Amino acid sequence: MEDEPEKYQSHFSEYLKRGIDADGMEALYKKVHAAIRADPTAKKSEKQPSKEHKRYNLKKLTYEERKAKLVERLNALNSAADEEDDE
């Protein structure tokens, strides 16, 4: 990890933002465990409301529209193939 600083930065970005390095992890865990021993009751955290996901269904195409789309796609492929052959 030390030889790849970009990977190190991406993996440990939250720790680095908060000023926690590898040497400070032991002290952090000791502090956290002491706080849990002092008050072991679980705290309710405020949860952010979930984002509403938008989902759109595609419009159904008629048989004729699907055929026309297919012909258009095939013409585009054929013209691209013809251009490659000309080169």
C-alpha atoms as a PDB file:
ATOM      1  CA  MET A   1       0.000   0.000   0.000  1.00  0.00           C
ATOM      2  CA  GLU A   2       2.791   2.416   0.834  1.00  0.00           C
ATOM      3  CA  ASP A   3       4.283   2.024  -2.635  1.00  0.00           C
ATOM      4  CA  GLU A   4       0.927   3.021  -4.214  1.00  0.00           C
ATOM      5  CA  PRO A   5      -0.005   6.388  -2.649  1.00  0.00           C
ATOM      6  CA  GLU A   6      -3.150   6.869  -4.771  1.00  0.00           C
ATOM      7  CA  LYS A   7      -4.579   3.530  -3.682  1.00  0.00           C
ATOM      8  CA  TYR A   8      -3.662   4.297  -0.065  1.00  0.00           C
ATOM      9  CA  GLN A   9      -5.388   7.683  -0.282  1.00  0.00           C
ATOM     10  CA  SER A  10      -8.571   6.176  -1.709  1.00  0.00           C
ATOM     11  CA  HIS A  11      -8.761   3.275   0.760  1.00  0.00           C
ATOM     12  CA  PHE A  12      -8.116   5.297   3.905  1.00  0.00           C
ATOM     13  CA  SER A  13      -9.529   8.686   2.891  1.00  0.00           C
ATOM     14  CA  GLU A  14     -11.997   8.899   5.804  1.00  0.00           C
ATOM     15  CA  TYR A  15      -9.273   8.140   8.352  1.00  0.00           C
ATOM     16  CA  LEU A  16      -6.941  10.670   6.764  1.00  0.00           C
ATOM     17  CA  LYS A  17      -9.688  13.320   6.756  1.00  0.00           C
ATOM     18  CA  ARG A  18     -10.164  12.852  10.488  1.00  0.00           C
ATOM     19  CA  GLY A  19      -6.438  12.870  11.212  1.00  0.00           C
ATOM     20  CA  ILE A  20      -6.201   9.210  12.237  1.00  0.00           C
ATOM     21  CA  ASP A  21      -3.057   7.385  11.193  1.00  0.00           C
ATOM     22  CA  ALA A  22      -1.911   3.798  11.752  1.00  0.00           C
ATOM     23  CA  ASP A  23      -0.241   4.683  15.063  1.00  0.00           C
ATOM     24  CA  GLY A  24      -3.391   6.381  16.368  1.00  0.00           C
ATOM     25  CA  MET A  25      -5.668   3.385  15.761  1.00  0.00           C
ATOM     26  CA  GLU A  26      -4.790   1.661  19.032  1.00  0.00           C
ATOM     27  CA  ALA A  27      -5.485   4.815  21.035  1.00  0.00           C
ATOM     28  CA  LEU A  28      -8.738   5.319  19.144  1.00  0.00           C
ATOM     29  CA  TYR A  29      -9.953   1.795  19.942  1.00  0.00           C
ATOM     30  CA  LYS A  30      -8.996   2.161  23.621  1.00  0.00           C
ATOM     31  CA  LYS A  31     -10.937   5.427  23.808  1.00  0.00           C
ATOM     32  CA  VAL A  32     -13.972   3.898  22.096  1.00  0.00           C
ATOM     33  CA  HIS A  33     -13.976   0.823  24.342  1.00  0.00           C
ATOM     34  CA  ALA A  34     -13.670   3.002  27.457  1.00  0.00           C
ATOM     35  CA  ALA A  35     -16.660   5.056  26.305  1.00  0.00           C
ATOM     36  CA  ILE A  36     -18.689   1.880  25.717  1.00  0.00           C
ATOM     37  CA  ARG A  37     -17.812   0.563  29.178  1.00  0.00           C
ATOM     38  CA  ALA A  38     -18.822   3.891  30.739  1.00  0.00           C
ATOM     39  CA  ASP A  39     -22.256   3.869  29.053  1.00  0.00           C
ATOM     40  CA  PRO A  40     -23.106   0.579  27.295  1.00  0.00           C
ATOM     41  CA  THR A  41     -26.658   1.560  26.301  1.00  0.00           C
ATOM     42  CA  ALA A  42     -27.211   1.692  22.564  1.00  0.00           C
ATOM     43  CA  LYS A  43     -27.786   5.167  21.193  1.00  0.00           C
ATOM     44  CA  LYS A  44     -30.394   5.757  18.516  1.00  0.00           C
ATOM     45  CA  SER A  45     -28.830   7.549  15.605  1.00  0.00           C
ATOM     46  CA  GLU A  46     -30.845   9.781  13.339  1.00  0.00           C
ATOM     47  CA  LYS A  47     -31.214   8.115  10.002  1.00  0.00           C
ATOM     48  CA  GLN A  48     -31.424  10.088   6.832  1.00  0.00           C
ATOM     49  CA  PRO A  49     -34.615   9.437   4.876  1.00  0.00           C
ATOM     50  CA  SER A  50     -33.928   7.162   1.964  1.00  0.00           C
ATOM     51  CA  LYS A  51     -33.791   8.774  -1.430  1.00  0.00           C
ATOM     52  CA  GLU A  52     -36.668   8.045  -3.700  1.00  0.00           C
ATOM     53  CA  HIS A  53     -35.521   6.148  -6.746  1.00  0.00           C
ATOM     54  CA  LYS A  54     -37.099   7.046 -10.014  1.00  0.00           C
ATOM     55  CA  ARG A  55     -37.852   4.254 -12.398  1.00  0.00           C
ATOM     56  CA  TYR A  56     -39.103   4.829 -15.871  1.00  0.00           C
ATOM     57  CA  ASN A  57     -40.576   2.146 -18.057  1.00  0.00           C
ATOM     58  CA  LEU A  58     -39.885   2.358 -21.743  1.00  0.00           C
ATOM     59  CA  LYS A  59     -42.807   3.037 -24.025  1.00  0.00           C
ATOM     60  CA  LYS A  60     -43.992  -0.092 -25.790  1.00  0.00           C
ATOM     61  CA  LEU A  61     -43.313  -0.016 -29.487  1.00  0.00           C
ATOM     62  CA  THR A  62     -45.696  -1.446 -32.022  1.00  0.00           C
ATOM     63  CA  TYR A  63     -44.623  -4.246 -34.328  1.00  0.00           C
ATOM     64  CA  GLU A  64     -44.154  -1.795 -37.216  1.00  0.00           C
ATOM     65  CA  GLU A  65     -42.061   0.548 -35.067  1.00  0.00           C
ATOM     66  CA  ARG A  66     -39.824  -2.329 -33.929  1.00  0.00           C
ATOM     67  CA  LYS A  67     -39.356  -3.470 -37.536  1.00  0.00           C
ATOM     68  CA  ALA A  68     -38.528   0.078 -38.666  1.00  0.00           C
ATOM     69  CA  LYS A  69     -36.016   0.423 -35.830  1.00  0.00           C
ATOM     70  CA  LEU A  70     -34.406  -2.871 -36.830  1.00  0.00           C
ATOM     71  CA  VAL A  71     -34.163  -1.841 -40.487  1.00  0.00           C
ATOM     72  CA  GLU A  72     -32.631   1.491 -39.464  1.00  0.00           C
ATOM     73  CA  ARG A  73     -30.077  -0.256 -37.242  1.00  0.00           C
ATOM     74  CA  LEU A  74     -29.175  -2.759 -39.972  1.00  0.00           C
ATOM     75  CA  ASN A  75     -28.770   0.043 -42.527  1.00  0.00           C
ATOM     76  CA  ALA A  76     -26.440   1.864 -40.145  1.00  0.00           C
ATOM     77  CA  LEU A  77     -24.379  -1.296 -39.614  1.00  0.00           C
ATOM     78  CA  ASN A  78     -24.218  -1.993 -43.343  1.00  0.00           C
ATOM     79  CA  SER A  79     -23.155   1.562 -44.162  1.00  0.00           C
ATOM     80  CA  ALA A  80     -20.456   1.383 -41.473  1.00  0.00           C
ATOM     81  CA  ALA A  81     -19.244  -1.925 -42.895  1.00  0.00           C
ATOM     82  CA  ASP A  82     -19.215  -0.466 -46.423  1.00  0.00           C
ATOM     83  CA  GLU A  83     -17.124   2.486 -45.248  1.00  0.00           C
ATOM     84  CA  GLU A  84     -14.604   0.107 -43.660  1.00  0.00           C
ATOM     85  CA  ASP A  85     -14.400  -1.914 -46.862  1.00  0.00           C
ATOM     86  CA  ASP A  86     -13.738   1.230 -48.905  1.00  0.00           C
ATOM     87  CA  GLU A  87     -10.760   2.117 -46.738  1.00  0.00           C
END
